[in-house]
Amino acid sequence: MRFAHLSDLHLSQLPVAGVSADADAILEHLVQDVRRISEILDFVVVSGDMTDDADAASFRQFEHLFGSIGLPVFIVPGNHDGPAGYYQYRDGSEQFAAWDISNRTVELPDVRLIGLDTCIEGEPTGRIDPKAFGLIEQQVARRDAAPLVIVMHHPPVPPGLHDFDVVAQLAGCDKLLEIIQRAGTPQIILSGHVHRPYQGCSHGMACFVAGSPTSAYTSDMPFGTSPIRPKGLQDFYFVHEIDKTGRHVVTPQHFPYAGRDGPTRT
């Protein structure tokens, strides 16, 4: 199966410090590009922070944009989505409710998705709900099933960003890694939260963080004294291809966007 992975769009009804003033135009271009290649995609995953303000109008804007793609969409909340505002909007929208995969498994022909709500209301840090571990253990233990993809906002592999390591803390991470290591089979995790794309591997798990197309993280010293740092807004999203054998290929898909230089988000 082939799908697009995006995260941290940060739609808002008012200007937000750190989010590009061109955010709406950027997302229009992004969605247009996903729509352009939709014939070769099976679905779209968005790993949280669809909004910056958890406002119903922002969720409605997200729903309108992504509903126009014409593909199944699977989502989990991010810390900026509330998550109380996310669930309040979900309860009043049949389409949004169908997209939400928080704490449930979706069985597709060649892949299984588990969605985890890792958010704590009003906090940037995250936690894995103890009730979710039973679901995870059950799914990672299945040997005769399609490859498993876990979708969660907070990444379980620390990014190594000098400032962001603090806000990216995830309670329950050690237990998750222990379950995956004990299962002895490779697992795929899709995350967001950290506003720069990266991949990390640990305990037999490969974690793919989507970054943010509207809110670049460009700290002067993201790696302490290391000079490695991104510049400007992210003009791509990721396309994943997974087959029944577990073969997994990830490709950055570039799209045209408004403006070349973006603000700093911390």
Protein backbone atom coordinates (compact mmCIF):
# COMPACT_ATOMS: atom_id res chain seq x y z
CA MET A 1 0.00 0.00 0.00
CA ARG A 2 1.11 3.56 -0.65
CA PHE A 3 0.14 6.51 1.52
CA ALA A 4 1.06 10.11 2.36
CA HIS A 5 2.17 11.06 5.89
CA LEU A 6 1.83 14.66 7.10
CA SER A 7 1.79 16.33 10.48
CA ASP A 8 1.69 19.63 12.39
CA LEU A 9 -0.31 21.79 10.00
CA HIS A 10 -1.29 24.27 12.76
CA LEU A 11 -4.39 25.78 11.19
CA SER A 12 -5.65 28.75 13.20
CA GLN A 13 -8.32 31.42 12.99
CA LEU A 14 -5.90 34.10 14.19
CA PRO A 15 -2.21 34.76 13.44
CA VAL A 16 0.11 32.67 15.61
CA ALA A 17 3.72 33.47 16.47
CA GLY A 18 5.97 30.90 14.84
CA VAL A 19 3.40 29.77 12.25
CA SER A 20 3.86 31.13 8.73
CA ALA A 21 1.53 33.95 7.73
CA ASP A 22 1.15 32.01 4.47
CA ALA A 23 0.00 28.83 6.24
CA ASP A 24 -3.36 28.68 4.47
CA ALA A 25 -1.72 29.07 1.04
CA ILE A 26 0.97 26.52 1.89
CA LEU A 27 -1.62 23.94 2.90
CA GLU A 28 -3.71 24.63 -0.21
CA HIS A 29 -0.63 23.86 -2.33
CA LEU A 30 0.16 20.78 -0.26
CA VAL A 31 -3.37 19.37 -0.52
CA GLN A 32 -3.46 20.12 -4.25
CA ASP A 33 -0.30 18.06 -4.66
CA VAL A 34 -1.68 15.13 -2.64
CA ARG A 35 -4.82 15.33 -4.78
CA ARG A 36 -2.65 15.37 -7.92
CA ILE A 37 -1.02 12.03 -7.01
CA SER A 38 -4.11 10.56 -5.31
CA GLU A 39 -4.52 7.90 -8.00
CA ILE A 40 -1.35 6.17 -6.79
CA LEU A 41 -2.17 6.57 -3.06
CA ASP A 42 -4.40 4.38 -0.90
CA PHE A 43 -4.87 6.78 2.04
CA VAL A 44 -3.46 9.76 3.97
CA VAL A 45 -2.17 9.83 7.58
CA VAL A 46 -1.96 13.04 9.65
CA SER A 47 -0.22 12.53 13.00
CA GLY A 48 -1.67 15.40 15.01
CA ASP A 49 -1.69 19.18 15.40
CA MET A 50 -4.11 19.71 12.56
CA THR A 51 -4.88 22.98 14.34
CA ASP A 52 -2.99 25.41 16.53
CA ASP A 53 -6.04 26.73 18.39
CA ALA A 54 -8.31 23.65 18.74
CA ASP A 55 -11.10 25.84 17.35
CA ALA A 56 -14.08 24.20 15.64
CA ALA A 57 -13.60 26.48 12.62
CA SER A 58 -10.00 25.28 12.23
CA PHE A 59 -11.05 21.63 12.43
CA ARG A 60 -13.76 22.41 9.86
CA GLN A 61 -11.14 23.98 7.59
CA PHE A 62 -8.95 20.88 7.92
CA GLU A 63 -11.92 18.63 7.20
CA HIS A 64 -12.83 20.63 4.10
CA LEU A 65 -9.24 20.61 2.78
CA PHE A 66 -8.56 16.93 3.30
CA GLY A 67 -12.05 15.82 2.37
CA SER A 68 -11.36 17.26 -1.10
CA ILE A 69 -8.56 14.72 -1.71
CA GLY A 70 -11.02 11.87 -2.18
CA LEU A 71 -9.01 9.30 -0.19
CA PRO A 72 -9.46 7.73 3.26
CA VAL A 73 -7.84 9.93 5.90
CA PHE A 74 -6.59 8.62 9.26
CA ILE A 75 -5.81 11.03 12.12
CA VAL A 76 -4.85 11.24 15.80
CA PRO A 77 -4.84 14.39 17.95
CA GLY A 78 -1.80 16.53 18.73
CA ASN A 79 -1.19 18.62 21.81
CA HIS A 80 -2.39 21.81 20.07
CA ASP A 81 -5.64 20.05 19.15
CA GLY A 82 -6.55 19.93 22.84
CA PRO A 83 -7.27 17.07 22.72
CA ALA A 84 -10.62 18.13 24.25
CA GLY A 85 -11.40 20.40 21.27
CA TYR A 86 -10.55 17.55 18.89
CA TYR A 87 -12.99 15.15 20.54
CA GLN A 88 -15.70 17.78 20.87
CA TYR A 89 -15.50 18.45 17.14
CA ARG A 90 -15.29 14.74 16.34
CA ASP A 91 -18.50 14.05 18.23
CA GLY A 92 -20.37 16.43 15.93
CA SER A 93 -18.84 15.35 12.61
CA GLU A 94 -19.48 11.95 11.04
CA GLN A 95 -16.58 12.32 8.62
CA PHE A 96 -14.11 13.45 11.29
CA ALA A 97 -15.21 10.58 13.54
CA ALA A 98 -14.53 8.11 10.72
CA TRP A 99 -11.05 9.58 10.25
CA ASP A 100 -10.12 9.40 13.95
CA ILE A 101 -8.23 6.19 14.81
CA SER A 102 -7.36 7.04 18.41
CA ASN A 103 -6.93 3.85 20.46
CA ARG A 104 -8.25 1.52 17.78
CA THR A 105 -6.94 -0.72 15.02
CA VAL A 106 -7.80 -0.33 11.34
CA GLU A 107 -7.32 -3.46 9.21
CA LEU A 108 -6.45 -2.68 5.59
CA PRO A 109 -5.55 -5.19 2.83
CA ASP A 110 -1.75 -4.90 3.19
CA VAL A 111 -1.25 -2.95 6.43
CA ARG A 112 -2.70 -2.50 9.92
CA LEU A 113 -2.93 0.90 11.60
CA ILE A 114 -3.06 1.56 15.34
CA GLY A 115 -3.79 5.13 16.43
CA LEU A 116 -2.62 6.33 19.86
CA ASP A 117 -3.72 9.51 21.61
CA THR A 118 -0.53 10.56 23.40
CA CYS A 119 -1.75 14.02 24.42
CA ILE A 120 -2.18 15.58 27.86
CA GLU A 121 -4.64 18.47 27.95
CA GLY A 122 -2.76 21.78 28.15
CA GLU A 123 0.70 20.15 28.11
CA PRO A 124 3.31 19.88 25.33
CA THR A 125 4.65 16.60 26.71
CA GLY A 126 2.87 13.30 26.12
CA ARG A 127 2.00 9.95 27.61
CA ILE A 128 0.81 6.58 26.38
CA ASP A 129 -2.47 5.63 28.02
CA PRO A 130 -2.02 2.42 30.07
CA LYS A 131 -5.16 1.02 28.39
CA ALA A 132 -3.39 1.26 25.01
CA PHE A 133 -0.64 -1.19 25.95
CA GLY A 134 -2.99 -4.17 25.79
CA LEU A 135 -3.97 -3.24 22.24
CA ILE A 136 -0.33 -2.77 21.24
CA GLU A 137 0.78 -6.08 22.76
CA GLN A 138 -2.04 -7.92 21.01
CA GLN A 139 -1.21 -6.45 17.61
CA VAL A 140 2.60 -6.71 17.68
CA ALA A 141 2.30 -10.39 18.65
CA ARG A 142 0.36 -11.29 15.47
CA ARG A 143 2.67 -13.18 13.14
CA ASP A 144 0.19 -13.96 10.37
CA ALA A 145 -1.08 -10.39 9.90
CA ALA A 146 -0.15 -7.50 7.60
CA PRO A 147 2.67 -5.13 8.62
CA LEU A 148 1.76 -2.89 11.56
CA VAL A 149 1.98 0.92 11.53
CA ILE A 150 1.50 2.79 14.83
CA VAL A 151 0.39 6.43 14.47
CA MET A 152 1.03 8.78 17.41
CA HIS A 153 1.79 12.47 17.83
CA HIS A 154 4.76 12.31 20.22
CA PRO A 155 7.78 10.41 18.83
CA PRO A 156 9.11 7.55 21.00
CA VAL A 157 12.65 8.11 19.73
CA PRO A 158 14.13 11.34 21.24
CA PRO A 159 15.04 13.77 18.46
CA GLY A 160 18.31 14.93 20.00
CA LEU A 161 17.21 18.56 19.65
CA HIS A 162 18.73 20.59 22.46
CA ASP A 163 15.51 22.50 23.20
CA PHE A 164 12.87 20.09 21.95
CA ASP A 165 13.96 17.05 23.97
CA VAL A 166 12.20 18.58 26.99
CA VAL A 167 8.81 19.16 25.35
CA ALA A 168 8.98 15.87 23.43
CA GLN A 169 9.07 13.72 26.58
CA LEU A 170 6.72 10.75 26.36
CA ALA A 171 5.67 8.89 29.50
CA GLY A 172 5.31 5.16 28.85
CA CYS A 173 7.88 5.24 26.05
CA ASP A 174 10.14 2.68 27.76
CA LYS A 175 7.27 0.20 28.10
CA LEU A 176 6.35 0.65 24.43
CA LEU A 177 9.91 -0.07 23.35
CA GLU A 178 10.04 -3.07 25.68
CA ILE A 179 6.86 -4.53 24.12
CA ILE A 180 8.24 -4.04 20.62
CA GLN A 181 11.61 -5.53 21.51
CA ARG A 182 9.96 -8.54 23.15
CA ALA A 183 7.81 -9.15 20.06
CA GLY A 184 10.96 -9.56 17.98
CA THR A 185 9.39 -8.23 14.77
CA PRO A 186 10.13 -4.89 13.09
CA GLN A 187 7.54 -2.15 13.73
CA ILE A 188 6.84 1.17 12.02
CA ILE A 189 5.81 4.31 13.92
CA LEU A 190 4.60 7.58 12.34
CA SER A 191 4.87 10.71 14.50
CA GLY A 192 4.92 14.49 14.49
CA HIS A 193 5.29 17.12 17.24
CA VAL A 194 8.95 17.93 16.51
CA HIS A 195 8.83 20.50 13.72
CA ARG A 196 11.61 19.04 11.63
CA PRO A 197 11.57 15.73 9.75
CA TYR A 198 13.79 12.90 10.95
CA GLN A 199 13.96 9.11 11.26
CA GLY A 200 15.12 7.12 14.25
CA CYS A 201 15.52 3.41 14.99
CA SER A 202 15.42 1.73 18.40
CA HIS A 203 14.62 -1.73 19.75
CA GLY A 204 13.56 -3.04 16.33
CA MET A 205 11.31 -0.05 15.69
CA ALA A 206 11.64 2.51 12.90
CA CYS A 207 10.14 5.92 13.73
CA PHE A 208 9.36 8.45 10.98
CA VAL A 209 8.65 12.05 12.04
CA ALA A 210 6.90 14.13 9.40
CA GLY A 211 8.07 17.62 10.37
CA SER A 212 5.85 20.66 9.72
CA PRO A 213 5.18 22.45 6.42
CA THR A 214 3.93 25.65 8.10
CA SER A 215 5.98 25.99 11.28
CA ALA A 216 9.67 25.24 10.83
CA TYR A 217 11.84 24.53 13.86
CA THR A 218 15.06 26.43 13.21
CA SER A 219 16.62 26.92 16.63
CA ASP A 220 20.10 28.45 16.54
CA MET A 221 21.46 25.48 18.45
CA PRO A 222 19.11 22.52 17.99
CA PHE A 223 21.92 20.04 18.65
CA GLY A 224 23.72 21.97 21.37
CA THR A 225 27.07 22.88 19.83
CA SER A 226 26.46 21.09 16.51
CA PRO A 227 26.17 23.34 13.43
CA ILE A 228 23.60 21.00 11.82
CA ARG A 229 20.26 22.80 11.49
CA PRO A 230 17.51 23.29 8.88
CA LYS A 231 16.59 26.58 7.25
CA GLY A 232 13.25 27.89 6.07
CA LEU A 233 9.95 26.13 5.57
CA GLN A 234 9.58 22.48 4.65
CA ASP A 235 8.39 22.11 1.05
CA PHE A 236 7.75 18.35 1.12
CA TYR A 237 5.77 15.60 2.78
CA PHE A 238 6.47 11.86 2.87
CA VAL A 239 5.06 9.03 0.75
CA HIS A 240 5.39 5.54 2.26
CA GLU A 241 5.08 2.30 0.34
CA ILE A 242 4.69 -0.97 2.28
CA ASP A 243 3.99 -4.42 0.88
CA LYS A 244 2.91 -7.68 2.51
CA THR A 245 6.51 -8.86 2.90
CA GLY A 246 7.35 -5.81 5.04
CA ARG A 247 9.32 -4.02 2.32
CA HIS A 248 9.12 -0.33 3.21
CA VAL A 249 10.22 2.59 1.02
CA VAL A 250 9.87 6.25 2.07
CA THR A 251 10.14 9.12 -0.42
CA PRO A 252 9.96 12.90 0.16
CA GLN A 253 7.37 14.40 -2.18
CA HIS A 254 8.01 18.08 -2.94
CA PHE A 255 5.20 20.54 -3.56
CA PRO A 256 5.14 24.24 -4.58
CA TYR A 257 4.45 26.61 -1.70
CA ALA A 258 4.04 30.34 -1.03
CA GLY A 259 7.10 32.07 0.38
CA ARG A 260 10.65 30.77 0.69
CA ASP A 261 11.62 31.79 4.22
CA GLY A 262 9.70 30.83 7.34
CA PRO A 263 9.60 31.92 10.97
CA THR A 264 11.33 30.22 13.85
CA ARG A 265 9.11 27.99 15.97
CA THR A 266 10.20 26.96 19.46
